[in-house]
């Protein structure tokens, strides 16, 4: 039981660097090499949020030292930000950061899907996984946004039948 207790007590130290640094580093390098800007948004946002968390820890370390579950809360939050199934970093960007940071005339700063698609399509694309978002972006680039609208309307009609 001593080994399991030690593992549980140090879980954040054992898997934290892999979740918060190694996997995001690998995914960021892949995003840099890909043609899509969707993954760039995910990983740039992750690094900004991770930096903010690190700065928060630096300034509040005396208070955080008294909160025994802080390392686990940070680990869970970072897992949510990192894992593609959750797309947490992109969600935070779209729903929080974007409200307070306006890119102004720098239209290339935001993702291509955010700047060139209608509001309804942006909401649908945001709900997809990163791979799904890339596929939809390629579909729109190849067939145009009207084709996506036709597909969505056909799916809605089919859903109403059942």
Foldseek 3Di string as FASTA:
>chain_A
DVVVVVCVLCVLVPCVCVLLPVLLVVQCVVCVVDPFCLSVQLSVLSVVVVVVVVVVCVVCVVVVVPVSCVSVVVSVLSNLSRDQQNSNSLCCCVPPVCVPDPPPPPLVVDGPCVRPADPVVVVVLSNDGSVVNVVVVVVCVVPNPVVVVVVVVVVVVVVVVD
